């Protein structure tokens, strides 16, 4: 039994800089998730709240205010009926993406009609790997190299493996991401999916309405002077990497039958998805096999993809993907409005952000039939989701 599955809508909090100077330092992680749920449902008043079959919320570091079965606790706090269940999920950076694909698969199977799927990461309160206890066998039995557990080091290894991936290319890609995000902001492309969040700090109350980490004035000259924290004379810097970020995302996933029943307007149709594993030491290569796998399952080729939303964990990770598929660094189909280097990458929350941006671009580009959202995942994985544009005009 299979049903058509649609991405109906998505909303997110503005993303904040992690740490004591960030706008969400005094805000709970679960409250960020609640704001995303409330904002999304307010935009879709036709949907009865008791029609939601499940709430899946991902977090990479599931502890404190980011633990306690987030999907259930956030659903209750957001005012959903107690009849609506929920669960938490973890696939590190692809947590939110997996929330979407897991609930979508349940809809495709016929078990669900409507689901909420998203992610949250408060990296200020819960740094990646905090209190984690990796099994000592990883290192004693040489299952992985020591630096496989540190994402910045895995990015340096991509530079080692592919000499054509120079620091200059990475820096230029990072600068262009900042410029593209700023242009998208100036054109009002990003703001429609942002849910304002009240913030509290030592100086009083505030209101978060925009992503906090943007640096639109970035220049190649400034990038060339940045430290390489993962290796002396390395290639990976703060300027060609995503910053540590706090934020939450939420998406509304529904069957074709539910779309019709509740008068919803879908923004994308799910075509297929795939996850794949690679050596943990070069985790940034993960989206290559996951994309090949998803394309094969969908009966498509990379040439069929008209828009790409690739998570910019590091410039070099995106560039390795582009080189593999023979795509130019500044191809206009790729991250049209910039990406995580400027916006931020709150780990498990990032997947649905990619989907929101692709959905907006689909609306502006009816000549494009298929789009791809893809990301690398810590410990050597990749995730890829192929979407079809319901606005496609057949040209």
Protein backbone atom coordinates (compact mmCIF):
# COMPACT_ATOMS: atom_id res chain seq x y z
CA UNK A 1 0.00 0.00 0.00
CA UNK A 2 1.51 3.35 -1.01
CA UNK A 3 0.16 6.89 -0.81
CA UNK A 4 1.42 10.14 -2.31
CA UNK A 5 3.39 12.11 0.30
CA UNK A 6 3.64 15.90 0.34
CA UNK A 7 5.65 18.56 2.11
CA UNK A 8 2.78 20.93 2.80
CA UNK A 9 4.59 23.68 4.70
CA UNK A 10 7.53 24.45 6.95
CA UNK A 11 8.42 27.08 9.54
CA UNK A 12 11.40 27.72 11.76
CA UNK A 13 12.74 29.99 14.42
CA UNK A 14 15.43 32.46 13.42
CA UNK A 15 18.78 30.79 14.05
CA UNK A 16 20.95 32.25 16.81
CA UNK A 17 24.65 32.18 17.61
CA UNK A 18 25.37 29.50 20.20
CA UNK A 19 26.89 30.54 23.52
CA UNK A 20 26.43 33.17 26.19
CA UNK A 21 26.48 36.04 23.68
CA UNK A 22 23.82 34.43 21.47
CA UNK A 23 20.21 35.55 21.49
CA UNK A 24 18.87 32.21 22.76
CA UNK A 25 21.23 31.77 25.72
CA UNK A 26 18.28 32.38 28.08
CA UNK A 27 15.78 30.36 26.02
CA UNK A 28 14.99 26.66 26.51
CA UNK A 29 15.51 24.24 23.62
CA UNK A 30 12.06 22.72 23.95
CA UNK A 31 10.50 26.20 23.84
CA UNK A 32 12.19 26.80 20.49
CA UNK A 33 10.57 23.61 19.17
CA UNK A 34 7.20 24.69 20.58
CA UNK A 35 7.44 28.07 18.83
CA UNK A 36 8.11 26.32 15.52
CA UNK A 37 5.08 24.05 15.97
CA UNK A 38 2.75 26.89 16.97
CA UNK A 39 3.92 29.12 14.13
CA UNK A 40 3.49 26.36 11.56
CA UNK A 41 -0.02 25.41 12.71
CA UNK A 42 -1.14 29.05 12.83
CA UNK A 43 -0.27 29.24 9.13
CA UNK A 44 -2.43 26.19 8.39
CA UNK A 45 -5.73 26.84 10.21
CA UNK A 46 -7.66 24.38 8.04
CA UNK A 47 -5.88 21.46 9.67
CA UNK A 48 -7.63 20.15 12.80
CA UNK A 49 -5.02 19.59 15.48
CA UNK A 50 -6.47 16.19 16.38
CA UNK A 51 -5.84 15.06 12.79
CA UNK A 52 -2.09 14.98 13.42
CA UNK A 53 -1.02 11.34 13.68
CA UNK A 54 2.46 11.87 15.15
CA UNK A 55 5.08 14.47 16.03
CA UNK A 56 8.72 13.59 15.34
CA UNK A 57 11.39 15.97 16.67
CA UNK A 58 15.10 15.30 16.36
CA UNK A 59 17.96 16.44 18.55
CA UNK A 60 21.58 15.33 18.48
CA UNK A 61 22.33 15.89 22.16
CA UNK A 62 19.25 14.55 23.95
CA UNK A 63 19.66 15.79 27.49
CA UNK A 64 18.19 18.39 29.83
CA UNK A 65 15.71 20.69 28.10
CA UNK A 66 16.53 18.91 24.86
CA UNK A 67 15.62 15.46 26.15
CA UNK A 68 12.50 13.79 27.56
CA UNK A 69 11.00 12.53 24.26
CA UNK A 70 10.86 15.92 22.56
CA UNK A 71 8.12 15.06 20.08
CA UNK A 72 5.70 14.28 22.89
CA UNK A 73 6.68 17.03 25.33
CA UNK A 74 6.75 19.76 22.66
CA UNK A 75 3.38 18.59 21.29
CA UNK A 76 1.79 18.92 24.73
CA UNK A 77 3.44 22.29 25.37
CA UNK A 78 2.29 23.54 21.95
CA UNK A 79 -1.32 22.83 22.88
CA UNK A 80 -1.94 19.79 20.72
CA UNK A 81 -4.60 17.39 22.02
CA UNK A 82 -3.26 14.73 24.37
CA UNK A 83 -4.41 12.16 21.78
CA UNK A 84 -1.52 13.23 19.51
CA UNK A 85 1.59 11.11 20.19
CA UNK A 86 5.21 12.07 19.60
CA UNK A 87 8.76 10.76 19.67
CA UNK A 88 12.38 11.87 19.54
CA UNK A 89 14.90 10.85 16.93
CA UNK A 90 18.66 11.13 16.42
CA UNK A 91 20.75 10.91 13.28
CA UNK A 92 23.08 13.72 14.29
CA UNK A 93 23.06 16.42 11.54
CA UNK A 94 20.36 14.59 9.56
CA UNK A 95 18.02 14.22 12.52
CA UNK A 96 15.35 16.58 11.20
CA UNK A 97 15.70 15.11 7.73
CA UNK A 98 15.13 11.67 9.24
CA UNK A 99 12.08 12.98 11.14
CA UNK A 100 10.64 13.93 7.77
CA UNK A 101 11.54 10.71 5.94
CA UNK A 102 10.38 8.48 8.82
CA UNK A 103 6.95 10.10 9.12
CA UNK A 104 6.71 10.35 5.32
CA UNK A 105 7.37 6.62 5.02
CA UNK A 106 4.59 5.98 7.53
CA UNK A 107 2.25 8.10 5.41
CA UNK A 108 3.34 6.28 2.26
CA UNK A 109 2.64 2.97 3.96
CA UNK A 110 -0.84 4.16 4.94
CA UNK A 111 -0.37 4.17 8.71
CA UNK A 112 -0.46 7.99 9.01
CA UNK A 113 -2.26 10.77 7.15
CA UNK A 114 -0.64 13.86 8.71
CA UNK A 115 2.54 14.37 10.75
CA UNK A 116 4.71 17.13 12.13
CA UNK A 117 8.44 16.54 11.64
CA UNK A 118 11.34 18.73 12.66
CA UNK A 119 14.38 19.20 14.78
CA UNK A 120 15.94 21.43 17.41
CA UNK A 121 19.47 22.05 18.57
CA UNK A 122 20.56 24.41 21.32
CA UNK A 123 24.29 24.11 20.82
CA UNK A 124 24.91 26.78 23.43
CA UNK A 125 23.34 24.69 26.17
CA UNK A 126 24.16 21.31 24.64
CA UNK A 127 27.43 21.30 22.65
CA UNK A 128 27.84 18.42 20.22
CA UNK A 129 29.18 15.37 22.04
CA UNK A 130 28.56 16.76 25.53
CA UNK A 131 28.63 13.85 28.02
CA UNK A 132 28.95 11.38 25.14
CA UNK A 133 30.99 8.29 25.96
CA UNK A 134 32.35 6.79 22.71
CA UNK A 135 33.15 3.12 23.10
CA UNK A 136 36.93 2.77 23.66
CA UNK A 137 36.99 -0.05 21.09
CA UNK A 138 36.65 2.59 18.36
CA UNK A 139 40.22 3.63 19.02
CA UNK A 140 41.84 0.63 20.73
CA UNK A 141 40.79 -1.68 17.90
CA UNK A 142 41.50 1.02 15.30
CA UNK A 143 37.93 0.84 13.99
CA UNK A 144 38.13 4.58 13.28
CA UNK A 145 40.92 7.13 13.49
CA UNK A 146 40.80 9.44 16.50
CA UNK A 147 39.97 12.49 14.40
CA UNK A 148 36.92 10.74 12.92
CA UNK A 149 35.02 11.88 16.03
CA UNK A 150 35.77 15.57 15.35
CA UNK A 151 33.91 17.07 12.40
CA UNK A 152 36.47 19.80 11.63
CA UNK A 153 39.19 17.19 11.34
CA UNK A 154 37.11 15.17 8.89
CA UNK A 155 36.79 18.29 6.75
CA UNK A 156 40.58 18.71 6.75
CA UNK A 157 40.85 15.11 5.54
CA UNK A 158 38.72 15.95 2.50
CA UNK A 159 41.25 18.63 1.61
CA UNK A 160 43.98 15.99 1.99
CA UNK A 161 42.19 13.47 -0.20
CA UNK A 162 41.34 15.90 -2.99
CA UNK A 163 44.15 18.41 -3.63
CA UNK A 164 41.91 20.25 -6.11
CA UNK A 165 39.77 21.30 -3.13
CA UNK A 166 41.97 24.25 -2.16
CA UNK A 167 41.53 26.65 0.73
CA UNK A 168 40.93 29.43 -1.78
CA UNK A 169 37.99 27.53 -3.29
CA UNK A 170 36.57 26.88 0.17
CA UNK A 171 36.97 30.51 1.20
CA UNK A 172 35.37 31.76 -2.00
CA UNK A 173 32.45 29.38 -1.53
CA UNK A 174 32.03 30.62 2.05
CA UNK A 175 32.08 34.27 0.94
CA UNK A 176 29.50 33.58 -1.79
CA UNK A 177 27.23 31.87 0.74
CA UNK A 178 27.26 35.02 2.87
CA UNK A 179 26.54 37.19 -0.16
CA UNK A 180 23.72 34.98 -1.41
CA UNK A 181 22.02 34.84 2.00
CA UNK A 182 22.22 38.62 2.31
CA UNK A 183 20.76 39.08 -1.18
CA UNK A 184 17.94 36.67 -0.27
CA UNK A 185 17.24 38.65 2.91
CA UNK A 186 17.21 41.93 1.01
CA UNK A 187 14.72 40.41 -1.43
CA UNK A 188 12.51 39.07 1.38
CA UNK A 189 13.02 35.41 0.43
CA UNK A 190 13.98 34.01 3.86
CA UNK A 191 11.70 35.91 6.23
CA UNK A 192 8.31 34.33 5.30
CA UNK A 193 9.22 31.03 6.99
CA UNK A 194 10.59 32.60 10.21
CA UNK A 195 8.54 32.53 13.43
CA UNK A 196 9.49 35.41 15.78
CA UNK A 197 10.72 34.29 19.19
CA UNK A 198 10.72 36.34 22.40
CA UNK A 199 14.17 36.26 24.00
CA UNK A 200 15.41 37.07 27.48
CA UNK A 201 18.86 38.20 28.55
CA UNK A 202 20.60 40.23 31.23
CA UNK A 203 19.61 43.38 29.36
CA UNK A 204 15.90 42.47 29.26
CA UNK A 205 13.43 41.11 26.73
CA UNK A 206 13.98 41.04 22.99
CA UNK A 207 12.48 39.61 19.84
CA UNK A 208 14.39 37.34 17.46
CA UNK A 209 13.23 38.00 13.90
CA UNK A 210 16.33 37.25 11.77
CA UNK A 211 19.20 34.77 11.65
CA UNK A 212 21.90 36.13 13.93
CA UNK A 213 25.13 34.73 12.50
CA UNK A 214 25.22 36.40 9.08
CA UNK A 215 28.38 38.25 8.02
CA UNK A 216 27.47 39.93 4.71
CA UNK A 217 30.66 42.01 4.61
CA UNK A 218 32.91 38.94 4.36
CA UNK A 219 35.86 39.37 1.98
CA UNK A 220 38.48 36.99 0.64
CA UNK A 221 41.16 39.15 2.27
CA UNK A 222 39.58 38.76 5.70
CA UNK A 223 39.01 35.02 5.23
CA UNK A 224 42.69 34.52 4.38
CA UNK A 225 43.70 35.77 7.84
CA UNK A 226 41.50 33.41 9.90
CA UNK A 227 43.02 30.73 12.13
CA UNK A 228 42.87 27.05 11.19
CA UNK A 229 41.80 25.56 14.54
CA UNK A 230 41.80 21.91 13.54
CA UNK A 231 45.35 21.75 12.22
CA UNK A 232 48.37 24.08 11.98
CA UNK A 233 48.46 25.62 8.48
CA UNK A 234 45.23 23.80 7.65
CA UNK A 235 42.41 24.72 5.30
CA UNK A 236 39.29 24.74 7.49
CA UNK A 237 38.43 28.03 9.22
CA UNK A 238 35.43 29.70 10.81
CA UNK A 239 34.88 31.46 7.49
CA UNK A 240 34.40 28.32 5.40
CA UNK A 241 32.47 26.36 8.05
CA UNK A 242 29.00 26.60 9.53
CA UNK A 243 28.97 28.33 12.95
CA UNK A 244 27.70 26.77 16.17
CA UNK A 245 24.00 27.58 16.17
CA UNK A 246 20.74 27.39 18.15
CA UNK A 247 17.37 26.96 16.45
CA UNK A 248 14.35 24.80 15.65
CA UNK A 249 12.50 23.77 12.49
CA UNK A 250 9.14 22.12 11.85
CA UNK A 251 7.41 20.76 8.76
CA UNK A 252 3.92 19.57 7.94
CA UNK A 253 3.87 16.29 5.99
CA UNK A 254 0.62 14.86 4.63
CA UNK A 255 -0.87 12.29 2.28
CA UNK A 256 -2.60 13.27 -0.94
CA UNK A 257 -5.89 12.24 0.64
CA UNK A 258 -5.32 14.49 3.66
CA UNK A 259 -4.30 17.38 1.42
CA UNK A 260 -7.61 17.11 -0.37
CA UNK A 261 -9.66 16.50 2.77
CA UNK A 262 -8.34 19.53 4.67
CA UNK A 263 -7.88 21.90 1.74
CA UNK A 264 -4.11 22.08 2.11
CA UNK A 265 -1.78 23.42 -0.59
CA UNK A 266 1.33 21.23 -0.87
CA UNK A 267 4.66 22.84 -1.76
CA UNK A 268 6.55 19.65 -2.75
CA UNK A 269 5.88 15.98 -3.48
CA UNK A 270 8.28 13.40 -2.07
CA UNK A 271 9.83 11.32 -4.85
CA UNK A 272 12.36 9.20 -2.95
CA UNK A 273 15.05 9.35 -0.28
CA UNK A 274 18.14 7.45 0.78
CA UNK A 275 20.77 7.33 3.51
CA UNK A 276 24.22 5.84 3.05
CA UNK A 277 27.42 5.30 5.01
CA UNK A 278 31.04 6.22 4.28
CA UNK A 279 34.28 6.10 6.25
CA UNK A 280 33.76 8.23 9.38
CA UNK A 281 37.10 9.93 8.71
CA UNK A 282 35.65 11.55 5.54
CA UNK A 283 32.06 11.96 6.66
CA UNK A 284 31.64 14.94 4.30
CA UNK A 285 31.50 12.54 1.34
CA UNK A 286 28.29 10.99 2.70
CA UNK A 287 25.86 12.86 0.40
CA UNK A 288 27.55 11.40 -2.69
CA UNK A 289 26.48 7.75 -2.20
CA UNK A 290 23.16 8.72 -0.59
CA UNK A 291 22.32 10.87 -3.62
CA UNK A 292 23.39 8.16 -6.08
CA UNK A 293 21.21 5.71 -4.16
CA UNK A 294 18.19 8.03 -4.10
CA UNK A 295 18.54 8.85 -7.81
CA UNK A 296 18.71 5.16 -8.69
CA UNK A 297 15.61 4.39 -6.63
CA UNK A 298 13.77 7.27 -8.30
CA UNK A 299 14.88 6.30 -11.81
CA UNK A 300 16.52 9.71 -12.28
CA UNK A 301 19.98 11.07 -13.00
CA UNK A 302 21.81 14.06 -11.56
CA UNK A 303 20.95 15.97 -14.78
CA UNK A 304 17.25 15.73 -13.82
CA UNK A 305 17.83 17.80 -10.67
CA UNK A 306 17.04 21.45 -11.35
CA UNK A 307 17.63 22.86 -7.85
CA UNK A 308 19.96 21.72 -5.08
CA UNK A 309 19.80 22.59 -1.37
CA UNK A 310 23.00 21.19 0.11
CA UNK A 311 23.82 21.66 3.78
CA UNK A 312 26.98 23.69 4.16
CA UNK A 313 28.50 22.04 7.20
CA UNK A 314 31.82 22.96 5.57
CA UNK A 315 32.59 24.48 2.17
CA UNK A 316 34.83 21.54 1.32
CA UNK A 317 32.01 19.07 1.89
CA UNK A 318 29.75 20.82 -0.64
CA UNK A 319 32.64 21.23 -3.09
CA UNK A 320 33.48 17.52 -2.93
CA UNK A 321 29.85 16.76 -3.84
CA UNK A 322 29.89 19.23 -6.73
CA UNK A 323 33.19 17.91 -8.09
CA UNK A 324 31.94 14.32 -7.96
CA UNK A 325 28.88 15.17 -10.05
CA UNK A 326 30.67 17.61 -12.37
CA UNK A 327 28.84 20.72 -11.16
CA UNK A 328 30.50 24.16 -11.05
CA UNK A 329 31.24 25.76 -7.67
CA UNK A 330 28.92 28.69 -8.43
CA UNK A 331 26.27 26.82 -10.43
CA UNK A 332 23.03 28.85 -10.11
CA UNK A 333 21.06 25.70 -9.33
CA UNK A 334 22.99 25.16 -6.09
CA UNK A 335 22.02 26.89 -2.83
CA UNK A 336 20.41 29.76 -4.66
CA UNK A 337 19.89 31.73 -1.44
CA UNK A 338 23.09 30.67 0.31
CA UNK A 339 23.26 28.20 3.16
CA UNK A 340 24.47 27.14 6.57
CA UNK A 341 27.82 28.94 6.44
CA UNK A 342 25.85 32.17 6.78
CA UNK A 343 22.53 31.02 8.27
CA UNK A 344 23.95 28.49 10.74
CA UNK A 345 23.66 24.75 11.23
CA UNK A 346 21.79 23.79 14.40
CA UNK A 347 22.60 20.12 13.70
CA UNK A 348 19.34 18.13 13.87
CA UNK A 349 17.26 21.17 12.84
CA UNK A 350 18.96 21.78 9.50
CA UNK A 351 17.26 19.21 7.23
CA UNK A 352 13.81 20.85 7.26
CA UNK A 353 15.42 24.26 6.65
CA UNK A 354 16.82 22.92 3.37
CA UNK A 355 13.33 21.73 2.47
CA UNK A 356 11.72 25.08 3.27
CA UNK A 357 14.15 26.92 1.01
CA UNK A 358 13.71 24.41 -1.81
CA UNK A 359 9.91 24.67 -1.51
CA UNK A 360 10.09 28.48 -1.83
CA UNK A 361 12.36 28.17 -4.86
CA UNK A 362 10.02 25.65 -6.48
CA UNK A 363 7.25 28.25 -6.33
CA UNK A 364 9.47 30.73 -8.21
CA UNK A 365 10.76 28.21 -10.75
CA UNK A 366 7.93 26.30 -12.45
CA UNK A 367 10.40 25.27 -15.16
CA UNK A 368 12.14 23.03 -12.57
CA UNK A 369 10.59 19.62 -11.98
CA UNK A 370 12.93 17.95 -9.46
CA UNK A 371 15.00 19.23 -6.54
CA UNK A 372 17.37 17.67 -4.04
CA UNK A 373 18.00 18.28 -0.35
CA UNK A 374 21.15 16.57 0.90
CA UNK A 375 23.55 16.67 3.84
CA UNK A 376 26.53 14.94 5.40
CA UNK A 377 26.17 13.31 8.81
CA UNK A 378 28.67 12.77 11.60
CA UNK A 379 30.31 9.35 11.94
CA UNK A 380 30.24 8.85 8.20
CA UNK A 381 26.75 9.09 6.73
CA UNK A 382 24.85 11.02 4.11
CA UNK A 383 21.17 11.74 3.59
CA UNK A 384 19.40 12.76 0.37
CA UNK A 385 15.75 13.50 -0.41
CA UNK A 386 14.40 14.06 -3.93
CA UNK A 387 11.32 16.27 -4.34
CA UNK A 388 9.01 17.08 -7.24
CA UNK A 389 7.70 20.59 -7.90
CA UNK A 390 3.88 20.69 -7.96
CA UNK A 391 4.16 23.98 -9.90
CA UNK A 392 6.10 22.34 -12.74
CA UNK A 393 4.83 23.63 -16.09
CA UNK A 394 6.17 20.79 -18.19
CA UNK A 395 8.86 22.86 -19.91
